[in-house]
Amino acid sequence: GIGPGKADEKGRIFYISPSGRFAITRPLNGEPSSWGNGST
């Protein structure tokens, strides 16, 4: 029930709901993205 993401001026994509925000971004340091092992 959450609407599509909206990009900000830096190209990050934000999803906004009454209970919080979720975002995706290219890493700002220019390095490849990575995921946290053990994170959920």
ModelCIF file with pLDDT and N, C-alpha, C, O atoms, coordinates in Angstrom:
data_MODEL
#
_entry.id   MODEL 
#
_entity.id                         1 
_entity.type                       polymer 
_entity.pdbx_number_of_molecules   1 
#
_entity_poly.entity_id                      1 
_entity_poly.type                           'polypeptide(L)' 
_entity_poly.nstd_linkage                   no 
_entity_poly.nstd_monomer                   no 
_entity_poly.pdbx_seq_one_letter_code       GIGPGKADEKGRIFYISPSGRFAITRPLNGEPSSWGNGST 
_entity_poly.pdbx_seq_one_letter_code_can   GIGPGKADEKGRIFYISPSGRFAITRPLNGEPSSWGNGST 
_entity_poly.pdbx_strand_id                 A 
#
loop_
_entity_poly_seq.entity_id 
_entity_poly_seq.num 
_entity_poly_seq.mon_id 
_entity_poly_seq.hetero 
1 1  GLY n 
1 2  ILE n 
1 3  GLY n 
1 4  PRO n 
1 5  GLY n 
1 6  LYS n 
1 7  ALA n 
1 8  ASP n 
1 9  GLU n 
1 10 LYS n 
1 11 GLY n 
1 12 ARG n 
1 13 ILE n 
1 14 PHE n 
1 15 TYR n 
1 16 ILE n 
1 17 SER n 
1 18 PRO n 
1 19 SER n 
1 20 GLY n 
1 21 ARG n 
1 22 PHE n 
1 23 ALA n 
1 24 ILE n 
1 25 THR n 
1 26 ARG n 
1 27 PRO n 
1 28 LEU n 
1 29 ASN n 
1 30 GLY n 
1 31 GLU n 
1 32 PRO n 
1 33 SER n 
1 34 SER n 
1 35 TRP n 
1 36 GLY n 
1 37 ASN n 
1 38 GLY n 
1 39 SER n 
1 40 THR n 
#
_struct_asym.id          A 
_struct_asym.entity_id   1 
#
loop_
_ma_qa_metric.id 
_ma_qa_metric.mode 
_ma_qa_metric.name 
_ma_qa_metric.software_group_id 
_ma_qa_metric.type 
1 global pLDDT . pLDDT 
2 local  pLDDT . pLDDT 
#
_ma_qa_metric_global.metric_id      1 
_ma_qa_metric_global.metric_value   93.55 
_ma_qa_metric_global.model_id       1 
_ma_qa_metric_global.ordinal_id     1 
#
loop_
_ma_qa_metric_local.label_asym_id 
_ma_qa_metric_local.label_comp_id 
_ma_qa_metric_local.label_seq_id 
_ma_qa_metric_local.metric_id 
_ma_qa_metric_local.metric_value 
_ma_qa_metric_local.model_id 
_ma_qa_metric_local.ordinal_id 
A GLY 1  2 96.00 1 1  
A ILE 2  2 97.00 1 2  
A GLY 3  2 97.00 1 3  
A PRO 4  2 98.00 1 4  
A GLY 5  2 98.00 1 5  
A LYS 6  2 98.00 1 6  
A ALA 7  2 97.00 1 7  
A ASP 8  2 95.00 1 8  
A GLU 9  2 94.00 1 9  
A LYS 10 2 90.00 1 10 
A GLY 11 2 93.00 1 11 
A ARG 12 2 95.00 1 12 
A ILE 13 2 97.00 1 13 
A PHE 14 2 97.00 1 14 
A TYR 15 2 97.00 1 15 
A ILE 16 2 95.00 1 16 
A SER 17 2 93.00 1 17 
A PRO 18 2 91.00 1 18 
A SER 19 2 90.00 1 19 
A GLY 20 2 92.00 1 20 
A ARG 21 2 95.00 1 21 
A PHE 22 2 97.00 1 22 
A ALA 23 2 96.00 1 23 
A ILE 24 2 97.00 1 24 
A THR 25 2 96.00 1 25 
A ARG 26 2 94.00 1 26 
A PRO 27 2 92.00 1 27 
A LEU 28 2 88.00 1 28 
A ASN 29 2 92.00 1 29 
A GLY 30 2 91.00 1 30 
A GLU 31 2 94.00 1 31 
A PRO 32 2 93.00 1 32 
A SER 33 2 92.00 1 33 
A SER 34 2 91.00 1 34 
A TRP 35 2 88.00 1 35 
A GLY 36 2 87.00 1 36 
A ASN 37 2 85.00 1 37 
A GLY 38 2 87.00 1 38 
A SER 39 2 92.00 1 39 
A THR 40 2 95.00 1 40 
#
loop_
_atom_site.group_PDB 
_atom_site.id 
_atom_site.type_symbol 
_atom_site.label_atom_id 
_atom_site.label_alt_id 
_atom_site.label_comp_id 
_atom_site.label_asym_id 
_atom_site.label_entity_id 
_atom_site.label_seq_id 
_atom_site.pdbx_PDB_ins_code 
_atom_site.Cartn_x 
_atom_site.Cartn_y 
_atom_site.Cartn_z 
_atom_site.occupancy 
_atom_site.B_iso_or_equiv 
_atom_site.pdbx_formal_charge 
_atom_site.auth_seq_id 
_atom_site.auth_comp_id 
_atom_site.auth_asym_id 
_atom_site.auth_atom_id 
_atom_site.pdbx_PDB_model_num 
ATOM 1   N N  . GLY A 1 1  ? 0.787  -1.232  0.000  1.00 96.00 ? 1  GLY A N  1 
ATOM 2   C CA . GLY A 1 1  ? 0.000  0.000   0.000  1.00 96.00 ? 1  GLY A CA 1 
ATOM 3   C C  . GLY A 1 1  ? 0.814  1.276   0.000  1.00 96.00 ? 1  GLY A C  1 
ATOM 4   O O  . GLY A 1 1  ? 0.295  2.332   0.361  1.00 96.00 ? 1  GLY A O  1 
ATOM 5   N N  . ILE A 1 2  ? 2.080  1.208   -0.396 1.00 97.00 ? 2  ILE A N  1 
ATOM 6   C CA . ILE A 1 2  ? 2.964  2.383   -0.430 1.00 97.00 ? 2  ILE A CA 1 
ATOM 7   C C  . ILE A 1 2  ? 3.186  2.775   -1.881 1.00 97.00 ? 2  ILE A C  1 
ATOM 8   O O  . ILE A 1 2  ? 3.451  1.921   -2.727 1.00 97.00 ? 2  ILE A O  1 
ATOM 9   N N  . GLY A 1 3  ? 3.079  4.064   -2.168 1.00 97.00 ? 3  GLY A N  1 
ATOM 10  C CA . GLY A 1 3  ? 3.217  4.561   -3.533 1.00 97.00 ? 3  GLY A CA 1 
ATOM 11  C C  . GLY A 1 3  ? 4.625  4.453   -4.080 1.00 97.00 ? 3  GLY A C  1 
ATOM 12  O O  . GLY A 1 3  ? 5.558  4.114   -3.352 1.00 97.00 ? 3  GLY A O  1 
ATOM 13  N N  . PRO A 1 4  ? 4.781  4.746   -5.385 1.00 98.00 ? 4  PRO A N  1 
ATOM 14  C CA . PRO A 1 4  ? 6.092  4.640   -6.023 1.00 98.00 ? 4  PRO A CA 1 
ATOM 15  C C  . PRO A 1 4  ? 7.095  5.634   -5.444 1.00 98.00 ? 4  PRO A C  1 
ATOM 16  O O  . PRO A 1 4  ? 6.729  6.673   -4.894 1.00 98.00 ? 4  PRO A O  1 
ATOM 17  N N  . GLY A 1 5  ? 8.364  5.282   -5.586 1.00 98.00 ? 5  GLY A N  1 
ATOM 18  C CA . GLY A 1 5  ? 9.443  6.126   -5.088 1.00 98.00 ? 5  GLY A CA 1 
ATOM 19  C C  . GLY A 1 5  ? 9.592  7.400   -5.888 1.00 98.00 ? 5  GLY A C  1 
ATOM 20  O O  . GLY A 1 5  ? 9.277  7.450   -7.077 1.00 98.00 ? 5  GLY A O  1 
ATOM 21  N N  . LYS A 1 6  ? 10.077 8.430   -5.214 1.00 98.00 ? 6  LYS A N  1 
ATOM 22  C CA . LYS A 1 6  ? 10.327 9.737   -5.829 1.00 98.00 ? 6  LYS A CA 1 
ATOM 23  C C  . LYS A 1 6  ? 11.803 10.081  -5.677 1.00 98.00 ? 6  LYS A C  1 
ATOM 24  O O  . LYS A 1 6  ? 12.382 9.898   -4.606 1.00 98.00 ? 6  LYS A O  1 
ATOM 25  N N  . ALA A 1 7  ? 12.408 10.577  -6.747 1.00 97.00 ? 7  ALA A N  1 
ATOM 26  C CA . ALA A 1 7  ? 13.827 10.943  -6.729 1.00 97.00 ? 7  ALA A CA 1 
ATOM 27  C C  . ALA A 1 7  ? 14.015 12.350  -6.173 1.00 97.00 ? 7  ALA A C  1 
ATOM 28  O O  . ALA A 1 7  ? 13.206 13.244  -6.418 1.00 97.00 ? 7  ALA A O  1 
ATOM 29  N N  . ASP A 1 8  ? 15.103 12.530  -5.415 1.00 95.00 ? 8  ASP A N  1 
ATOM 30  C CA . ASP A 1 8  ? 15.466 13.866  -4.948 1.00 95.00 ? 8  ASP A CA 1 
ATOM 31  C C  . ASP A 1 8  ? 16.508 14.448  -5.894 1.00 95.00 ? 8  ASP A C  1 
ATOM 32  O O  . ASP A 1 8  ? 16.827 13.843  -6.918 1.00 95.00 ? 8  ASP A O  1 
ATOM 33  N N  . GLU A 1 9  ? 17.038 15.617  -5.556 1.00 94.00 ? 9  GLU A N  1 
ATOM 34  C CA . GLU A 1 9  ? 17.993 16.309  -6.437 1.00 94.00 ? 9  GLU A CA 1 
ATOM 35  C C  . GLU A 1 9  ? 19.311 15.555  -6.598 1.00 94.00 ? 9  GLU A C  1 
ATOM 36  O O  . GLU A 1 9  ? 20.046 15.816  -7.550 1.00 94.00 ? 9  GLU A O  1 
ATOM 37  N N  . LYS A 1 10 ? 19.630 14.626  -5.692 1.00 90.00 ? 10 LYS A N  1 
ATOM 38  C CA . LYS A 1 10 ? 20.857 13.843  -5.795 1.00 90.00 ? 10 LYS A CA 1 
ATOM 39  C C  . LYS A 1 10 ? 20.628 12.497  -6.483 1.00 90.00 ? 10 LYS A C  1 
ATOM 40  O O  . LYS A 1 10 ? 21.563 11.707  -6.618 1.00 90.00 ? 10 LYS A O  1 
ATOM 41  N N  . GLY A 1 11 ? 19.386 12.225  -6.921 1.00 93.00 ? 11 GLY A N  1 
ATOM 42  C CA . GLY A 1 11 ? 19.071 10.978  -7.596 1.00 93.00 ? 11 GLY A CA 1 
ATOM 43  C C  . GLY A 1 11 ? 18.689 9.841   -6.665 1.00 93.00 ? 11 GLY A C  1 
ATOM 44  O O  . GLY A 1 11 ? 18.409 8.734   -7.125 1.00 93.00 ? 11 GLY A O  1 
ATOM 45  N N  . ARG A 1 12 ? 18.674 10.097  -5.363 1.00 95.00 ? 12 ARG A N  1 
ATOM 46  C CA . ARG A 1 12 ? 18.241 9.074   -4.414 1.00 95.00 ? 12 ARG A CA 1 
ATOM 47  C C  . ARG A 1 12 ? 16.730 8.884   -4.551 1.00 95.00 ? 12 ARG A C  1 
ATOM 48  O O  . ARG A 1 12 ? 16.006 9.838   -4.837 1.00 95.00 ? 12 ARG A O  1 
ATOM 49  N N  . ILE A 1 13 ? 16.261 7.667   -4.350 1.00 97.00 ? 13 ILE A N  1 
ATOM 50  C CA . ILE A 1 13 ? 14.839 7.353   -4.475 1.00 97.00 ? 13 ILE A CA 1 
ATOM 51  C C  . ILE A 1 13 ? 14.269 7.157   -3.070 1.00 97.00 ? 13 ILE A C  1 
ATOM 52  O O  . ILE A 1 13 ? 14.783 6.352   -2.293 1.00 97.00 ? 13 ILE A O  1 
ATOM 53  N N  . PHE A 1 14 ? 13.198 7.900   -2.746 1.00 97.00 ? 14 PHE A N  1 
ATOM 54  C CA . PHE A 1 14 ? 12.582 7.831   -1.427 1.00 97.00 ? 14 PHE A CA 1 
ATOM 55  C C  . PHE A 1 14 ? 11.163 7.290   -1.516 1.00 97.00 ? 14 PHE A C  1 
ATOM 56  O O  . PHE A 1 14 ? 10.399 7.636   -2.417 1.00 97.00 ? 14 PHE A O  1 
ATOM 57  N N  . TYR A 1 15 ? 10.830 6.428   -0.552 1.00 97.00 ? 15 TYR A N  1 
ATOM 58  C CA . TYR A 1 15 ? 9.485  5.897   -0.353 1.00 97.00 ? 15 TYR A CA 1 
ATOM 59  C C  . TYR A 1 15 ? 9.024  6.417   1.004  1.00 97.00 ? 15 TYR A C  1 
ATOM 60  O O  . TYR A 1 15 ? 9.697  6.217   2.015  1.00 97.00 ? 15 TYR A O  1 
ATOM 61  N N  . ILE A 1 16 ? 7.886  7.077   1.020  1.00 95.00 ? 16 ILE A N  1 
ATOM 62  C CA . ILE A 1 16 ? 7.424  7.739   2.239  1.00 95.00 ? 16 ILE A CA 1 
ATOM 63  C C  . ILE A 1 16 ? 6.085  7.142   2.664  1.00 95.00 ? 16 ILE A C  1 
ATOM 64  O O  . ILE A 1 16 ? 5.152  7.026   1.870  1.00 95.00 ? 16 ILE A O  1 
ATOM 65  N N  . SER A 1 17 ? 6.023  6.767   3.940  1.00 93.00 ? 17 SER A N  1 
ATOM 66  C CA . SER A 1 17 ? 4.785  6.257   4.515  1.00 93.00 ? 17 SER A CA 1 
ATOM 67  C C  . SER A 1 17 ? 4.571  6.946   5.857  1.00 93.00 ? 17 SER A C  1 
ATOM 68  O O  . SER A 1 17 ? 5.485  7.601   6.357  1.00 93.00 ? 17 SER A O  1 
ATOM 69  N N  . PRO A 1 18 ? 3.405  6.817   6.444  1.00 91.00 ? 18 PRO A N  1 
ATOM 70  C CA . PRO A 1 18 ? 3.165  7.426   7.754  1.00 91.00 ? 18 PRO A CA 1 
ATOM 71  C C  . PRO A 1 18 ? 4.105  6.901   8.843  1.00 91.00 ? 18 PRO A C  1 
ATOM 72  O O  . PRO A 1 18 ? 4.312  7.575   9.852  1.00 91.00 ? 18 PRO A O  1 
ATOM 73  N N  . SER A 1 19 ? 4.674  5.710   8.652  1.00 90.00 ? 19 SER A N  1 
ATOM 74  C CA . SER A 1 19 ? 5.514  5.136   9.699  1.00 90.00 ? 19 SER A CA 1 
ATOM 75  C C  . SER A 1 19 ? 7.011  5.247   9.434  1.00 90.00 ? 19 SER A C  1 
ATOM 76  O O  . SER A 1 19 ? 7.805  4.731   10.221 1.00 90.00 ? 19 SER A O  1 
ATOM 77  N N  . GLY A 1 20 ? 7.417  5.899   8.360  1.00 92.00 ? 20 GLY A N  1 
ATOM 78  C CA . GLY A 1 20 ? 8.848  6.063   8.108  1.00 92.00 ? 20 GLY A CA 1 
ATOM 79  C C  . GLY A 1 20 ? 9.172  6.251   6.644  1.00 92.00 ? 20 GLY A C  1 
ATOM 80  O O  . GLY A 1 20 ? 8.296  6.325   5.783  1.00 92.00 ? 20 GLY A O  1 
ATOM 81  N N  . ARG A 1 21 ? 10.455 6.323   6.400  1.00 95.00 ? 21 ARG A N  1 
ATOM 82  C CA . ARG A 1 21 ? 10.973 6.509   5.039  1.00 95.00 ? 21 ARG A CA 1 
ATOM 83  C C  . ARG A 1 21 ? 11.997 5.429   4.726  1.00 95.00 ? 21 ARG A C  1 
ATOM 84  O O  . ARG A 1 21 ? 12.745 4.976   5.593  1.00 95.00 ? 21 ARG A O  1 
ATOM 85  N N  . PHE A 1 22 ? 12.005 5.035   3.462  1.00 97.00 ? 22 PHE A N  1 
ATOM 86  C CA . PHE A 1 22 ? 12.974 4.066   2.963  1.00 97.00 ? 22 PHE A CA 1 
ATOM 87  C C  . PHE A 1 22 ? 13.575 4.677   1.711  1.00 97.00 ? 22 PHE A C  1 
ATOM 88  O O  . PHE A 1 22 ? 12.865 5.287   0.911  1.00 97.00 ? 22 PHE A O  1 
ATOM 89  N N  . ALA A 1 23 ? 14.889 4.516   1.536  1.00 96.00 ? 23 ALA A N  1 
ATOM 90  C CA . ALA A 1 23 ? 15.542 5.126   0.385  1.00 96.00 ? 23 ALA A CA 1 
ATOM 91  C C  . ALA A 1 23 ? 16.579 4.185   -0.215 1.00 96.00 ? 23 ALA A C  1 
ATOM 92  O O  . ALA A 1 23 ? 17.152 3.338   0.471  1.00 96.00 ? 23 ALA A O  1 
ATOM 93  N N  . ILE A 1 24 ? 16.803 4.359   -1.525 1.00 97.00 ? 24 ILE A N  1 
ATOM 94  C CA . ILE A 1 24 ? 17.884 3.672   -2.222 1.00 97.00 ? 24 ILE A CA 1 
ATOM 95  C C  . ILE A 1 24 ? 18.764 4.737   -2.862 1.00 97.00 ? 24 ILE A C  1 
ATOM 96  O O  . ILE A 1 24 ? 18.274 5.770   -3.318 1.00 97.00 ? 24 ILE A O  1 
ATOM 97  N N  . THR A 1 25 ? 20.061 4.477   -2.890 1.00 96.00 ? 25 THR A N  1 
ATOM 98  C CA . THR A 1 25 ? 21.007 5.454   -3.410 1.00 96.00 ? 25 THR A CA 1 
ATOM 99  C C  . THR A 1 25 ? 22.237 4.762   -3.972 1.00 96.00 ? 25 THR A C  1 
ATOM 100 O O  . THR A 1 25 ? 22.602 3.672   -3.532 1.00 96.00 ? 25 THR A O  1 
ATOM 101 N N  . ARG A 1 26 ? 22.862 5.390   -4.929 1.00 94.00 ? 26 ARG A N  1 
ATOM 102 C CA . ARG A 1 26 ? 24.215 4.983   -5.294 1.00 94.00 ? 26 ARG A CA 1 
ATOM 103 C C  . ARG A 1 26 ? 25.113 5.491   -4.167 1.00 94.00 ? 26 ARG A C  1 
ATOM 104 O O  . ARG A 1 26 ? 24.901 6.597   -3.670 1.00 94.00 ? 26 ARG A O  1 
ATOM 105 N N  . PRO A 1 27 ? 26.109 4.711   -3.754 1.00 92.00 ? 27 PRO A N  1 
ATOM 106 C CA . PRO A 1 27 ? 26.969 5.180   -2.679 1.00 92.00 ? 27 PRO A CA 1 
ATOM 107 C C  . PRO A 1 27 ? 27.600 6.535   -3.027 1.00 92.00 ? 27 PRO A C  1 
ATOM 108 O O  . PRO A 1 27 ? 28.127 6.731   -4.123 1.00 92.00 ? 27 PRO A O  1 
ATOM 109 N N  . LEU A 1 28 ? 27.533 7.450   -2.075 1.00 88.00 ? 28 LEU A N  1 
ATOM 110 C CA . LEU A 1 28 ? 28.026 8.808   -2.315 1.00 88.00 ? 28 LEU A CA 1 
ATOM 111 C C  . LEU A 1 28 ? 29.540 8.868   -2.451 1.00 88.00 ? 28 LEU A C  1 
ATOM 112 O O  . LEU A 1 28 ? 30.070 9.832   -3.003 1.00 88.00 ? 28 LEU A O  1 
ATOM 113 N N  . ASN A 1 29 ? 30.253 7.845   -1.952 1.00 92.00 ? 29 ASN A N  1 
ATOM 114 C CA . ASN A 1 29 ? 31.717 7.838   -2.063 1.00 92.00 ? 29 ASN A CA 1 
ATOM 115 C C  . ASN A 1 29 ? 32.199 7.304   -3.402 1.00 92.00 ? 29 ASN A C  1 
ATOM 116 O O  . ASN A 1 29 ? 33.405 7.240   -3.641 1.00 92.00 ? 29 ASN A O  1 
ATOM 117 N N  . GLY A 1 30 ? 31.267 6.917   -4.290 1.00 91.00 ? 30 GLY A N  1 
ATOM 118 C CA . GLY A 1 30 ? 31.637 6.432   -5.618 1.00 91.00 ? 30 GLY A CA 1 
ATOM 119 C C  . GLY A 1 30 ? 32.040 4.970   -5.668 1.00 91.00 ? 30 GLY A C  1 
ATOM 120 O O  . GLY A 1 30 ? 32.270 4.438   -6.754 1.00 91.00 ? 30 GLY A O  1 
ATOM 121 N N  . GLU A 1 31 ? 32.131 4.312   -4.537 1.00 94.00 ? 31 GLU A N  1 
ATOM 122 C CA . GLU A 1 31 ? 32.474 2.887   -4.492 1.00 94.00 ? 31 GLU A CA 1 
ATOM 123 C C  . GLU A 1 31 ? 31.235 2.055   -4.826 1.00 94.00 ? 31 GLU A C  1 
ATOM 124 O O  . GLU A 1 31 ? 30.119 2.569   -4.756 1.00 94.00 ? 31 GLU A O  1 
ATOM 125 N N  . PRO A 1 32 ? 31.408 0.779   -5.190 1.00 93.00 ? 32 PRO A N  1 
ATOM 126 C CA . PRO A 1 32 ? 30.250 -0.087  -5.448 1.00 93.00 ? 32 PRO A CA 1 
ATOM 127 C C  . PRO A 1 32 ? 29.427 -0.282  -4.174 1.00 93.00 ? 32 PRO A C  1 
ATOM 128 O O  . PRO A 1 32 ? 29.962 -0.238  -3.067 1.00 93.00 ? 32 PRO A O  1 
ATOM 129 N N  . SER A 1 33 ? 28.142 -0.495  -4.341 1.00 92.00 ? 33 SER A N  1 
ATOM 130 C CA . SER A 1 33 ? 27.291 -0.779  -3.186 1.00 92.00 ? 33 SER A CA 1 
ATOM 131 C C  . SER A 1 33 ? 27.598 -2.178  -2.674 1.00 92.00 ? 33 SER A C  1 
ATOM 132 O O  . SER A 1 33 ? 28.126 -3.018  -3.403 1.00 92.00 ? 33 SER A O  1 
ATOM 133 N N  . SER A 1 34 ? 27.263 -2.417  -1.418 1.00 91.00 ? 34 SER A N  1 
ATOM 134 C CA . SER A 1 34 ? 27.402 -3.747  -0.838 1.00 91.00 ? 34 SER A CA 1 
ATOM 135 C C  . SER A 1 34 ? 26.308 -3.929  0.203  1.00 91.00 ? 34 SER A C  1 
ATOM 136 O O  . SER A 1 34 ? 25.732 -2.952  0.683  1.00 91.00 ? 34 SER A O  1 
ATOM 137 N N  . TRP A 1 35 ? 26.022 -5.172  0.549  1.00 88.00 ? 35 TRP A N  1 
ATOM 138 C CA . TRP A 1 35 ? 24.989 -5.460  1.537  1.00 88.00 ? 35 TRP A CA 1 
ATOM 139 C C  . TRP A 1 35 ? 25.627 -6.016  2.787  1.00 88.00 ? 35 TRP A C  1 
ATOM 140 O O  . TRP A 1 35 ? 26.723 -6.576  2.741  1.00 88.00 ? 35 TRP A O  1 
ATOM 141 N N  . GLY A 1 36 ? 24.949 -5.862  3.893  1.00 87.00 ? 36 GLY A N  1 
ATOM 142 C CA . GLY A 1 36 ? 25.460 -6.312  5.179  1.00 87.00 ? 36 GLY A CA 1 
ATOM 143 C C  . GLY A 1 36 ? 25.097 -7.756  5.457  1.00 87.00 ? 36 GLY A C  1 
ATOM 144 O O  . GLY A 1 36 ? 23.915 -8.090  5.548  1.00 87.00 ? 36 GLY A O  1 
ATOM 145 N N  . ASN A 1 37 ? 26.088 -8.615  5.593  1.00 85.00 ? 37 ASN A N  1 
ATOM 146 C CA . ASN A 1 37 ? 25.836 -10.008 5.924  1.00 85.00 ? 37 ASN A CA 1 
ATOM 147 C C  . ASN A 1 37 ? 25.325 -10.081 7.357  1.00 85.00 ? 37 ASN A C  1 
ATOM 148 O O  . ASN A 1 37 ? 25.980 -9.588  8.276  1.00 85.00 ? 37 ASN A O  1 
ATOM 149 N N  . GLY A 1 38 ? 24.166 -10.689 7.552  1.00 87.00 ? 38 GLY A N  1 
ATOM 150 C CA . GLY A 1 38 ? 23.537 -10.758 8.862  1.00 87.00 ? 38 GLY A CA 1 
ATOM 151 C C  . GLY A 1 38 ? 22.511 -9.663  9.090  1.00 87.00 ? 38 GLY A C  1 
ATOM 152 O O  . GLY A 1 38 ? 21.820 -9.665  10.109 1.00 87.00 ? 38 GLY A O  1 
ATOM 153 N N  . SER A 1 39 ? 22.403 -8.731  8.159  1.00 92.00 ? 39 SER A N  1 
ATOM 154 C CA . SER A 1 39 ? 21.441 -7.631  8.271  1.00 92.00 ? 39 SER A CA 1 
ATOM 155 C C  . SER A 1 39 ? 20.134 -8.006  7.591  1.00 92.00 ? 39 SER A C  1 
ATOM 156 O O  . SER A 1 39 ? 20.133 -8.692  6.569  1.00 92.00 ? 39 SER A O  1 
ATOM 157 N N  . THR A 1 40 ? 19.026 -7.556  8.160  1.00 95.00 ? 40 THR A N  1 
ATOM 158 C CA . THR A 1 40 ? 17.706 -7.729  7.549  1.00 95.00 ? 40 THR A CA 1 
ATOM 159 C C  . THR A 1 40 ? 16.914 -6.459  7.776  1.00 95.00 ? 40 THR A C  1 
ATOM 160 O O  . THR A 1 40 ? 15.763 -6.364  7.350  1.00 95.00 ? 40 THR A O  1 
#
